[in-house]
N, C-alpha and C. Protein backbone atom coordinates (compact mmCIF):
# COMPACT_ATOMS: atom_id res chain seq x y z
N MET A 1 0.89 -1.17 0.03
CA MET A 1 -0.02 0.03 0.02
C MET A 1 0.88 1.24 0.01
N LYS A 2 0.54 2.17 -0.85
CA LYS A 2 1.38 3.40 -0.96
C LYS A 2 0.55 4.65 -0.38
N LEU A 3 1.25 5.18 0.68
CA LEU A 3 0.62 6.30 1.38
C LEU A 3 1.49 7.49 1.18
N LEU A 4 0.78 8.62 0.91
CA LEU A 4 1.50 9.88 0.91
C LEU A 4 0.90 10.71 1.96
N PHE A 5 1.56 10.74 3.20
CA PHE A 5 1.17 11.60 4.25
C PHE A 5 1.57 13.00 3.80
N PHE A 6 0.64 13.92 4.00
CA PHE A 6 0.96 15.31 3.55
C PHE A 6 0.21 16.35 4.43
N ASP A 7 0.84 17.48 4.47
CA ASP A 7 0.17 18.59 5.13
C ASP A 7 0.46 19.91 4.39
N LEU A 8 -0.39 20.80 4.38
CA LEU A 8 -0.26 22.04 3.70
C LEU A 8 -0.34 23.23 4.70
N GLU A 9 0.34 24.29 4.38
CA GLU A 9 0.12 25.55 5.08
C GLU A 9 -0.32 26.52 3.97
N THR A 10 -1.31 27.29 4.24
CA THR A 10 -1.94 28.11 3.14
C THR A 10 -2.05 29.58 3.56
N THR A 11 -2.43 30.38 2.62
CA THR A 11 -2.53 31.84 2.88
C THR A 11 -3.94 32.17 3.35
N GLY A 12 -4.78 31.13 3.58
CA GLY A 12 -6.14 31.35 4.02
C GLY A 12 -6.88 30.04 3.91
N THR A 13 -8.13 30.07 4.17
CA THR A 13 -8.93 28.78 4.19
C THR A 13 -9.76 28.49 3.04
N LEU A 14 -9.84 29.37 2.07
CA LEU A 14 -10.76 29.25 0.89
C LEU A 14 -9.94 28.80 -0.31
N VAL A 15 -10.22 27.63 -0.79
CA VAL A 15 -9.51 27.00 -1.89
C VAL A 15 -9.54 27.86 -3.17
N ASN A 16 -10.69 28.59 -3.33
CA ASN A 16 -10.79 29.44 -4.56
C ASN A 16 -10.20 30.78 -4.42
N ARG A 17 -9.69 31.12 -3.25
CA ARG A 17 -9.05 32.45 -3.02
C ARG A 17 -7.68 32.44 -2.56
N HIS A 18 -7.31 31.39 -1.83
CA HIS A 18 -5.98 31.34 -1.20
C HIS A 18 -5.12 30.27 -1.81
N SER A 19 -3.89 30.15 -1.35
CA SER A 19 -2.89 29.34 -1.97
C SER A 19 -2.01 28.68 -0.94
N ILE A 20 -1.33 27.69 -1.47
CA ILE A 20 -0.36 26.86 -0.63
C ILE A 20 0.93 27.71 -0.47
N HIS A 21 1.56 27.68 0.70
CA HIS A 21 2.91 28.22 0.87
C HIS A 21 3.83 27.25 1.45
N GLN A 22 3.38 26.08 1.87
CA GLN A 22 4.27 25.03 2.34
C GLN A 22 3.55 23.66 2.12
N ILE A 23 4.25 22.78 1.57
CA ILE A 23 3.76 21.38 1.41
C ILE A 23 4.82 20.40 1.93
N SER A 24 4.50 19.55 2.90
CA SER A 24 5.35 18.65 3.47
C SER A 24 4.80 17.28 3.59
N GLY A 25 5.62 16.31 3.70
CA GLY A 25 5.02 15.03 3.84
C GLY A 25 6.05 13.87 3.91
N ALA A 26 5.44 12.70 3.80
CA ALA A 26 6.29 11.45 3.94
C ALA A 26 5.73 10.43 2.95
N VAL A 27 6.54 9.78 2.29
CA VAL A 27 6.14 8.67 1.39
C VAL A 27 6.33 7.37 2.17
N VAL A 28 5.27 6.63 2.40
CA VAL A 28 5.29 5.42 3.13
C VAL A 28 4.71 4.27 2.25
N ILE A 29 5.56 3.23 1.98
CA ILE A 29 5.11 2.18 1.11
C ILE A 29 5.23 0.85 1.88
N ASN A 30 4.07 0.21 1.99
CA ASN A 30 4.02 -1.09 2.67
C ASN A 30 4.52 -0.95 4.16
N GLY A 31 4.26 0.22 4.77
CA GLY A 31 4.63 0.45 6.13
C GLY A 31 6.06 0.99 6.34
N GLU A 32 6.80 1.08 5.28
CA GLU A 32 8.21 1.54 5.30
C GLU A 32 8.31 3.00 4.86
N LEU A 33 8.88 3.87 5.76
CA LEU A 33 9.08 5.28 5.39
C LEU A 33 10.25 5.33 4.28
N LYS A 34 9.86 5.83 3.14
CA LYS A 34 10.78 5.90 2.03
C LYS A 34 11.53 7.25 1.99
N GLU A 35 10.76 8.35 2.23
CA GLU A 35 11.26 9.60 1.97
C GLU A 35 10.37 10.69 2.68
N THR A 36 10.98 11.77 3.17
CA THR A 36 10.19 12.86 3.61
C THR A 36 10.52 14.07 2.71
N PHE A 37 9.66 15.05 2.72
CA PHE A 37 9.89 16.23 1.85
C PHE A 37 9.28 17.44 2.60
N ASP A 38 9.86 18.56 2.21
CA ASP A 38 9.43 19.83 2.81
C ASP A 38 9.64 20.96 1.85
N PHE A 39 8.61 21.35 1.09
CA PHE A 39 8.69 22.44 0.10
C PHE A 39 8.11 23.67 0.60
N ARG A 40 8.81 24.80 0.43
CA ARG A 40 8.31 26.10 0.66
C ARG A 40 7.88 26.56 -0.72
N VAL A 41 6.74 27.25 -0.82
CA VAL A 41 6.13 27.54 -2.15
C VAL A 41 5.70 29.00 -2.09
N ARG A 42 6.21 29.78 -3.10
CA ARG A 42 5.63 31.13 -3.35
C ARG A 42 4.23 30.95 -3.77
N PRO A 43 3.26 31.56 -3.06
CA PRO A 43 1.78 31.42 -3.42
C PRO A 43 1.52 31.77 -4.92
N ASN A 44 0.43 31.25 -5.32
CA ASN A 44 -0.07 31.62 -6.66
C ASN A 44 -0.18 33.18 -6.71
N PRO A 45 0.28 33.80 -7.71
CA PRO A 45 0.23 35.27 -7.85
C PRO A 45 -1.22 35.88 -7.76
N LYS A 46 -2.24 35.05 -8.07
CA LYS A 46 -3.62 35.52 -8.07
C LYS A 46 -4.25 35.36 -6.64
N ALA A 47 -3.53 34.72 -5.78
CA ALA A 47 -4.10 34.36 -4.37
C ALA A 47 -4.14 35.54 -3.51
N GLN A 48 -5.06 35.56 -2.58
CA GLN A 48 -5.14 36.46 -1.50
C GLN A 48 -4.28 35.93 -0.36
N ILE A 49 -3.75 36.85 0.40
CA ILE A 49 -2.94 36.48 1.52
C ILE A 49 -3.57 37.05 2.77
N GLU A 50 -3.92 36.21 3.71
CA GLU A 50 -4.59 36.59 4.96
C GLU A 50 -3.44 36.67 6.10
N GLN A 51 -3.24 37.76 6.63
CA GLN A 51 -2.27 37.88 7.68
C GLN A 51 -2.47 36.86 8.88
N GLN A 52 -3.73 36.68 9.17
CA GLN A 52 -4.08 35.70 10.34
C GLN A 52 -3.55 34.37 9.94
N ALA A 53 -3.71 33.90 8.66
CA ALA A 53 -3.21 32.62 8.32
C ALA A 53 -1.70 32.51 8.45
N LEU A 54 -1.01 33.59 8.09
CA LEU A 54 0.49 33.57 8.20
C LEU A 54 0.92 33.66 9.59
N ASP A 55 0.13 34.34 10.49
CA ASP A 55 0.47 34.37 11.90
C ASP A 55 0.43 33.02 12.48
N VAL A 56 -0.54 32.18 12.11
CA VAL A 56 -0.66 30.82 12.63
C VAL A 56 0.63 30.02 12.36
N CYS A 57 1.22 30.24 11.18
CA CYS A 57 2.40 29.52 10.83
C CYS A 57 3.71 30.15 11.22
N GLY A 58 3.58 31.40 11.65
CA GLY A 58 4.75 32.18 12.09
C GLY A 58 5.66 32.58 10.87
N VAL A 59 5.06 32.90 9.79
CA VAL A 59 5.80 33.38 8.55
C VAL A 59 5.22 34.86 8.19
N THR A 60 6.03 35.49 7.40
CA THR A 60 5.60 36.81 6.96
C THR A 60 5.35 36.78 5.44
N VAL A 61 4.70 37.82 4.97
CA VAL A 61 4.50 37.96 3.49
C VAL A 61 5.86 37.95 2.83
N GLU A 62 6.77 38.76 3.39
CA GLU A 62 8.11 38.82 2.71
C GLU A 62 8.75 37.42 2.58
N GLN A 63 8.66 36.64 3.66
CA GLN A 63 9.26 35.27 3.58
C GLN A 63 8.58 34.42 2.47
N ILE A 64 7.24 34.35 2.50
CA ILE A 64 6.68 33.47 1.48
C ILE A 64 6.85 33.95 0.12
N MET A 65 6.90 35.29 -0.14
CA MET A 65 7.14 35.78 -1.48
C MET A 65 8.54 35.52 -1.97
N ALA A 66 9.46 35.18 -1.05
CA ALA A 66 10.84 34.83 -1.42
C ALA A 66 11.01 33.27 -1.71
N TYR A 67 10.02 32.55 -1.48
CA TYR A 67 10.06 31.07 -1.76
C TYR A 67 10.12 30.88 -3.18
N PRO A 68 10.54 29.67 -3.65
CA PRO A 68 10.56 29.35 -5.08
C PRO A 68 9.12 29.38 -5.72
N PRO A 69 9.02 29.78 -6.97
CA PRO A 69 7.72 29.86 -7.63
C PRO A 69 7.04 28.53 -7.65
N MET A 70 5.69 28.55 -7.57
CA MET A 70 4.93 27.36 -7.50
C MET A 70 5.15 26.40 -8.59
N GLU A 71 5.46 26.87 -9.82
CA GLU A 71 5.72 26.01 -10.99
C GLU A 71 6.96 25.16 -10.77
N THR A 72 8.05 25.80 -10.14
CA THR A 72 9.30 25.12 -9.86
C THR A 72 9.04 24.07 -8.79
N VAL A 73 8.30 24.42 -7.76
CA VAL A 73 8.02 23.46 -6.70
C VAL A 73 7.12 22.35 -7.15
N TYR A 74 6.14 22.64 -8.00
CA TYR A 74 5.24 21.62 -8.49
C TYR A 74 6.06 20.61 -9.36
N ARG A 75 7.05 21.07 -10.16
CA ARG A 75 7.87 20.10 -10.91
C ARG A 75 8.72 19.22 -9.94
N SER A 76 9.16 19.76 -8.90
CA SER A 76 9.96 19.02 -7.93
C SER A 76 9.11 17.96 -7.22
N PHE A 77 7.90 18.40 -6.83
CA PHE A 77 6.98 17.55 -6.14
C PHE A 77 6.53 16.36 -7.04
N VAL A 78 6.25 16.66 -8.26
CA VAL A 78 5.80 15.59 -9.26
C VAL A 78 6.99 14.63 -9.46
N ALA A 79 8.22 15.14 -9.55
CA ALA A 79 9.38 14.25 -9.75
C ALA A 79 9.54 13.36 -8.54
N LEU A 80 9.29 13.90 -7.37
CA LEU A 80 9.33 13.08 -6.20
C LEU A 80 8.32 11.98 -6.15
N ILE A 81 7.10 12.26 -6.34
CA ILE A 81 6.03 11.17 -6.33
C ILE A 81 6.19 10.30 -7.49
N GLY A 82 6.72 10.80 -8.63
CA GLY A 82 6.93 9.99 -9.78
C GLY A 82 7.97 8.89 -9.54
N LYS A 83 8.78 8.94 -8.58
CA LYS A 83 9.71 7.92 -8.18
C LYS A 83 9.05 6.68 -7.62
N TYR A 84 7.78 6.85 -7.18
CA TYR A 84 7.07 5.77 -6.48
C TYR A 84 5.74 5.36 -7.15
N VAL A 85 5.25 6.21 -8.11
CA VAL A 85 4.00 5.92 -8.64
C VAL A 85 4.16 6.09 -10.19
N ASP A 86 3.58 5.17 -10.98
CA ASP A 86 3.61 5.32 -12.45
C ASP A 86 2.24 5.89 -12.77
N LYS A 87 2.20 7.15 -13.12
CA LYS A 87 0.86 7.84 -13.32
C LYS A 87 0.12 7.26 -14.52
N TYR A 88 0.75 6.46 -15.33
CA TYR A 88 0.14 5.86 -16.52
C TYR A 88 -0.45 4.51 -16.19
N ASN A 89 -0.22 4.04 -14.94
CA ASN A 89 -0.72 2.75 -14.60
C ASN A 89 -1.92 2.96 -13.61
N LYS A 90 -3.14 2.65 -14.11
CA LYS A 90 -4.36 2.93 -13.25
C LYS A 90 -4.40 2.21 -11.98
N ALA A 91 -3.56 1.19 -11.80
CA ALA A 91 -3.59 0.43 -10.55
C ALA A 91 -2.48 0.90 -9.59
N ASP A 92 -1.72 1.90 -9.92
CA ASP A 92 -0.55 2.28 -9.19
C ASP A 92 -0.74 3.77 -8.76
N LYS A 93 -1.19 3.97 -7.54
CA LYS A 93 -1.60 5.31 -6.99
C LYS A 93 -1.28 5.41 -5.51
N PHE A 94 -1.11 6.60 -5.04
CA PHE A 94 -1.01 6.87 -3.63
C PHE A 94 -2.35 7.07 -3.01
N PHE A 95 -2.56 6.65 -1.76
CA PHE A 95 -3.64 7.09 -0.88
C PHE A 95 -3.11 8.34 -0.23
N LEU A 96 -3.75 9.45 -0.37
CA LEU A 96 -3.42 10.69 0.38
C LEU A 96 -3.77 10.45 1.87
N ALA A 97 -2.91 10.82 2.70
CA ALA A 97 -3.18 10.58 4.21
C ALA A 97 -2.80 11.90 4.91
N GLY A 98 -3.71 12.23 5.83
CA GLY A 98 -3.40 13.46 6.61
C GLY A 98 -4.39 13.68 7.67
N PHE A 99 -4.24 14.76 8.47
CA PHE A 99 -5.24 15.03 9.48
C PHE A 99 -6.20 16.05 9.06
N ASN A 100 -7.49 15.65 8.92
CA ASN A 100 -8.57 16.49 8.36
C ASN A 100 -8.29 16.83 6.86
N ASN A 101 -7.50 15.93 6.22
CA ASN A 101 -7.16 16.21 4.82
C ASN A 101 -8.32 16.09 3.90
N ALA A 102 -9.29 15.23 4.22
CA ALA A 102 -10.44 15.05 3.31
C ALA A 102 -11.25 16.37 3.18
N ALA A 103 -11.35 17.12 4.28
CA ALA A 103 -12.09 18.27 4.27
C ALA A 103 -11.36 19.55 3.87
N PHE A 104 -10.08 19.46 3.81
CA PHE A 104 -9.21 20.67 3.56
C PHE A 104 -8.11 20.52 2.62
N ASP A 105 -7.03 19.80 3.02
CA ASP A 105 -5.84 19.72 2.29
C ASP A 105 -5.98 19.10 0.86
N ASN A 106 -6.83 18.02 0.73
CA ASN A 106 -7.00 17.39 -0.57
C ASN A 106 -7.45 18.41 -1.62
N GLN A 107 -8.35 19.26 -1.23
CA GLN A 107 -8.88 20.22 -2.20
C GLN A 107 -7.86 21.24 -2.68
N PHE A 108 -7.09 21.72 -1.69
CA PHE A 108 -6.01 22.65 -2.02
C PHE A 108 -4.92 22.04 -2.88
N LEU A 109 -4.60 20.75 -2.64
CA LEU A 109 -3.62 20.06 -3.49
C LEU A 109 -4.15 19.91 -4.88
N ARG A 110 -5.42 19.44 -4.94
CA ARG A 110 -6.00 19.28 -6.34
C ARG A 110 -5.99 20.59 -7.09
N ALA A 111 -6.41 21.73 -6.42
CA ALA A 111 -6.42 23.00 -7.04
C ALA A 111 -5.03 23.46 -7.49
N TRP A 112 -4.03 23.11 -6.71
CA TRP A 112 -2.63 23.49 -6.99
C TRP A 112 -2.20 22.81 -8.25
N PHE A 113 -2.60 21.48 -8.46
CA PHE A 113 -2.32 20.81 -9.64
C PHE A 113 -2.90 21.49 -10.87
N ILE A 114 -4.17 21.87 -10.73
CA ILE A 114 -4.84 22.61 -11.86
C ILE A 114 -4.12 23.91 -12.13
N GLN A 115 -3.74 24.69 -11.07
CA GLN A 115 -3.14 26.02 -11.25
C GLN A 115 -1.77 25.82 -11.96
N ASN A 116 -1.22 24.65 -11.86
CA ASN A 116 0.02 24.29 -12.60
C ASN A 116 -0.20 23.63 -13.93
N GLY A 117 -1.42 23.64 -14.36
CA GLY A 117 -1.73 23.11 -15.76
C GLY A 117 -1.85 21.62 -15.78
N ASP A 118 -2.01 20.97 -14.63
CA ASP A 118 -2.09 19.47 -14.62
C ASP A 118 -3.52 19.05 -14.20
N ASN A 119 -4.32 18.52 -15.19
CA ASN A 119 -5.61 18.08 -14.90
C ASN A 119 -5.69 16.60 -14.57
N TYR A 120 -4.61 16.00 -14.28
CA TYR A 120 -4.53 14.54 -14.05
C TYR A 120 -4.15 14.20 -12.59
N PHE A 121 -4.73 14.93 -11.67
CA PHE A 121 -4.53 14.67 -10.28
C PHE A 121 -4.84 13.23 -9.94
N GLY A 122 -5.94 12.74 -10.56
CA GLY A 122 -6.38 11.33 -10.32
C GLY A 122 -5.47 10.29 -10.89
N SER A 123 -4.48 10.66 -11.66
CA SER A 123 -3.52 9.62 -12.13
C SER A 123 -2.45 9.34 -11.07
N TRP A 124 -2.39 10.20 -10.09
CA TRP A 124 -1.38 10.04 -8.98
C TRP A 124 -2.03 9.46 -7.72
N PHE A 125 -3.26 9.87 -7.48
CA PHE A 125 -3.92 9.61 -6.21
C PHE A 125 -5.26 8.94 -6.32
N TRP A 126 -5.53 8.00 -5.42
CA TRP A 126 -6.87 7.42 -5.40
C TRP A 126 -7.85 8.51 -4.93
N SER A 127 -9.14 8.38 -5.38
CA SER A 127 -10.15 9.39 -4.96
C SER A 127 -10.48 9.36 -3.54
N ASN A 128 -10.41 8.20 -2.96
CA ASN A 128 -10.72 8.03 -1.54
C ASN A 128 -9.38 8.22 -0.83
N SER A 129 -9.37 8.86 0.35
CA SER A 129 -8.16 9.09 1.06
C SER A 129 -8.24 8.60 2.47
N ILE A 130 -7.16 8.73 3.22
CA ILE A 130 -7.09 8.27 4.58
C ILE A 130 -6.99 9.53 5.40
N ASP A 131 -8.17 9.82 6.16
CA ASP A 131 -8.19 10.95 7.08
C ASP A 131 -7.93 10.49 8.47
N VAL A 132 -6.78 10.83 9.07
CA VAL A 132 -6.37 10.31 10.33
C VAL A 132 -7.32 10.85 11.43
N MET A 133 -7.85 12.06 11.24
CA MET A 133 -8.82 12.60 12.21
C MET A 133 -10.08 11.66 12.27
N VAL A 134 -10.56 11.26 11.07
CA VAL A 134 -11.74 10.36 11.11
C VAL A 134 -11.41 9.04 11.72
N LEU A 135 -10.21 8.51 11.36
CA LEU A 135 -9.79 7.22 12.03
C LEU A 135 -9.70 7.25 13.58
N ALA A 136 -9.23 8.46 13.99
CA ALA A 136 -9.05 8.59 15.44
C ALA A 136 -10.40 8.79 16.18
N THR A 137 -11.47 9.07 15.49
CA THR A 137 -12.69 9.39 16.16
C THR A 137 -13.23 8.18 16.91
N PRO A 138 -13.39 7.02 16.29
CA PRO A 138 -13.91 5.87 17.05
C PRO A 138 -12.90 5.43 18.17
N TYR A 139 -11.59 5.55 17.84
CA TYR A 139 -10.57 5.16 18.82
C TYR A 139 -10.67 5.98 20.08
N LEU A 140 -11.09 7.28 19.99
CA LEU A 140 -11.15 8.19 21.17
C LEU A 140 -12.57 8.53 21.58
N ALA A 141 -13.54 7.86 21.01
CA ALA A 141 -14.94 8.14 21.24
C ALA A 141 -15.26 8.30 22.76
N GLU A 142 -14.76 7.34 23.52
CA GLU A 142 -15.08 7.32 24.97
C GLU A 142 -14.43 8.52 25.65
N LYS A 143 -13.37 9.03 25.16
CA LYS A 143 -12.64 10.20 25.83
C LYS A 143 -13.07 11.49 25.26
N ARG A 144 -13.74 11.51 24.16
CA ARG A 144 -13.99 12.75 23.48
C ARG A 144 -14.60 13.81 24.32
N SER A 145 -15.55 13.48 25.13
CA SER A 145 -16.29 14.55 26.03
C SER A 145 -15.34 15.18 26.94
N LYS A 146 -14.18 14.60 27.27
CA LYS A 146 -13.25 15.15 28.22
C LYS A 146 -12.14 15.90 27.48
N MET A 147 -12.19 15.89 26.19
CA MET A 147 -11.12 16.57 25.35
C MET A 147 -11.56 18.00 25.05
N GLU A 148 -10.62 18.97 25.13
CA GLU A 148 -10.88 20.30 24.89
C GLU A 148 -11.39 20.52 23.39
N ASN A 149 -10.78 19.83 22.52
CA ASN A 149 -11.07 19.93 21.07
C ASN A 149 -10.61 18.67 20.45
N PHE A 150 -10.64 18.57 19.06
CA PHE A 150 -10.20 17.42 18.38
C PHE A 150 -9.15 17.82 17.35
N LYS A 151 -8.36 18.93 17.70
CA LYS A 151 -7.25 19.30 16.88
C LYS A 151 -6.14 18.22 16.96
N GLN A 152 -5.30 18.20 15.98
CA GLN A 152 -4.25 17.25 15.88
C GLN A 152 -3.39 17.09 17.12
N GLY A 153 -2.91 18.25 17.65
CA GLY A 153 -2.09 18.25 18.92
C GLY A 153 -2.83 17.65 20.06
N THR A 154 -4.13 18.00 20.20
CA THR A 154 -4.89 17.49 21.31
C THR A 154 -5.12 15.98 21.26
N VAL A 155 -5.38 15.51 20.00
CA VAL A 155 -5.53 14.11 19.76
C VAL A 155 -4.27 13.37 20.07
N ALA A 156 -3.14 13.87 19.59
CA ALA A 156 -1.90 13.22 19.85
C ALA A 156 -1.56 13.20 21.27
N LYS A 157 -1.79 14.25 22.06
CA LYS A 157 -1.49 14.26 23.54
C LYS A 157 -2.39 13.25 24.22
N THR A 158 -3.68 13.14 23.80
CA THR A 158 -4.61 12.25 24.43
C THR A 158 -4.10 10.81 24.19
N LEU A 159 -3.43 10.56 23.09
CA LEU A 159 -2.90 9.26 22.82
C LEU A 159 -1.57 8.94 23.41
N GLY A 160 -1.01 9.94 24.22
CA GLY A 160 0.23 9.80 24.83
C GLY A 160 1.47 10.09 23.97
N ILE A 161 1.24 10.81 22.96
CA ILE A 161 2.35 11.22 21.98
C ILE A 161 2.81 12.54 22.44
N ASP A 162 4.17 12.71 22.56
CA ASP A 162 4.82 13.97 22.91
C ASP A 162 4.63 14.98 21.77
N VAL A 163 4.14 16.19 22.18
CA VAL A 163 3.95 17.25 21.19
C VAL A 163 4.68 18.47 21.58
N ASP A 164 5.41 19.14 20.71
CA ASP A 164 6.01 20.45 21.01
C ASP A 164 5.05 21.48 20.40
N ASP A 165 4.26 22.10 21.25
CA ASP A 165 3.23 23.04 20.68
C ASP A 165 3.85 24.16 19.94
N SER A 166 5.03 24.57 20.17
CA SER A 166 5.71 25.58 19.43
C SER A 166 5.98 25.24 18.01
N LYS A 167 5.98 23.97 17.68
CA LYS A 167 6.25 23.48 16.28
C LYS A 167 5.07 23.20 15.51
N LEU A 168 3.85 23.14 16.17
CA LEU A 168 2.68 22.93 15.46
C LEU A 168 2.45 23.99 14.37
N HIS A 169 1.85 23.59 13.29
CA HIS A 169 1.56 24.49 12.12
C HIS A 169 2.79 24.71 11.34
N ASP A 170 3.84 23.92 11.53
CA ASP A 170 4.85 23.80 10.50
C ASP A 170 4.48 22.43 9.84
N ALA A 171 4.26 22.46 8.52
CA ALA A 171 3.71 21.28 7.81
C ALA A 171 4.56 20.04 8.09
N LEU A 172 5.87 20.14 8.08
CA LEU A 172 6.67 18.85 8.30
C LEU A 172 6.50 18.35 9.69
N TYR A 173 6.44 19.19 10.73
CA TYR A 173 6.22 18.70 12.03
C TYR A 173 4.88 18.08 12.20
N ASP A 174 3.86 18.75 11.59
CA ASP A 174 2.50 18.27 11.62
C ASP A 174 2.34 16.89 11.08
N ILE A 175 3.14 16.56 10.00
CA ILE A 175 3.14 15.31 9.37
C ILE A 175 3.75 14.21 10.34
N GLU A 176 4.82 14.60 11.04
CA GLU A 176 5.35 13.68 12.07
C GLU A 176 4.34 13.30 13.06
N ILE A 177 3.61 14.26 13.50
CA ILE A 177 2.58 14.03 14.55
C ILE A 177 1.40 13.19 13.93
N CYS A 178 1.04 13.57 12.73
CA CYS A 178 -0.07 12.79 12.07
C CYS A 178 0.30 11.38 11.86
N LYS A 179 1.54 11.10 11.45
CA LYS A 179 2.00 9.71 11.21
C LYS A 179 2.06 8.97 12.53
N ALA A 180 2.54 9.66 13.57
CA ALA A 180 2.56 9.04 14.94
C ALA A 180 1.11 8.59 15.36
N ILE A 181 0.17 9.50 15.16
CA ILE A 181 -1.25 9.14 15.54
C ILE A 181 -1.63 7.94 14.65
N TYR A 182 -1.45 7.94 13.36
CA TYR A 182 -1.83 6.93 12.50
C TYR A 182 -1.20 5.62 12.94
N ASP A 183 0.16 5.60 13.19
CA ASP A 183 0.76 4.38 13.64
C ASP A 183 0.23 3.84 14.93
N LYS A 184 -0.15 4.68 15.83
CA LYS A 184 -0.68 4.28 17.11
C LYS A 184 -2.10 3.68 17.01
N ILE A 185 -2.92 4.32 16.18
CA ILE A 185 -4.36 3.82 16.14
C ILE A 185 -4.52 2.75 15.05
N SER A 186 -3.49 2.48 14.28
CA SER A 186 -3.55 1.43 13.25
C SER A 186 -2.96 0.16 13.72
N GLN A 187 -2.47 0.03 14.88
CA GLN A 187 -1.79 -1.24 15.34
C GLN A 187 -2.74 -2.37 15.38
């Protein structure tokens, strides 16, 4: 089974207005970690940038505008995933995996492919994905009423995973926590 754990940081929450500025993740094949990645991305020039979104990640407009252009990062990202998936083979694809990815990250990633002129997102990824937040729900159902919220950091702490709160909302760190949750609840 091929899993692409991934997390995005964006310039806001609306897929039709905002853009990716960080994409990080881990390639896991048959349970073995093959590779991690961390790309900083200059947002789409047409995207709006919300200061509040940048504040969450601890970055500035000046920083994200100095990142490599999205087209350059897109080519690097596709080259990376192309080492593990043959996009011309309908039976060879990644399951996208992340925390709350079904409701958020997947749509931004798909839009990013289109913004880069690639309408073949489905050649790389299965349409159904693995949302670790959803998987954790039945696992923690009995404890949910005692939890402050169901954010990734809270879920991880409830499962006994060490979390450095100061590192949350860095996409690469968030993927480490997401994979730790997945590994714990998938045993």
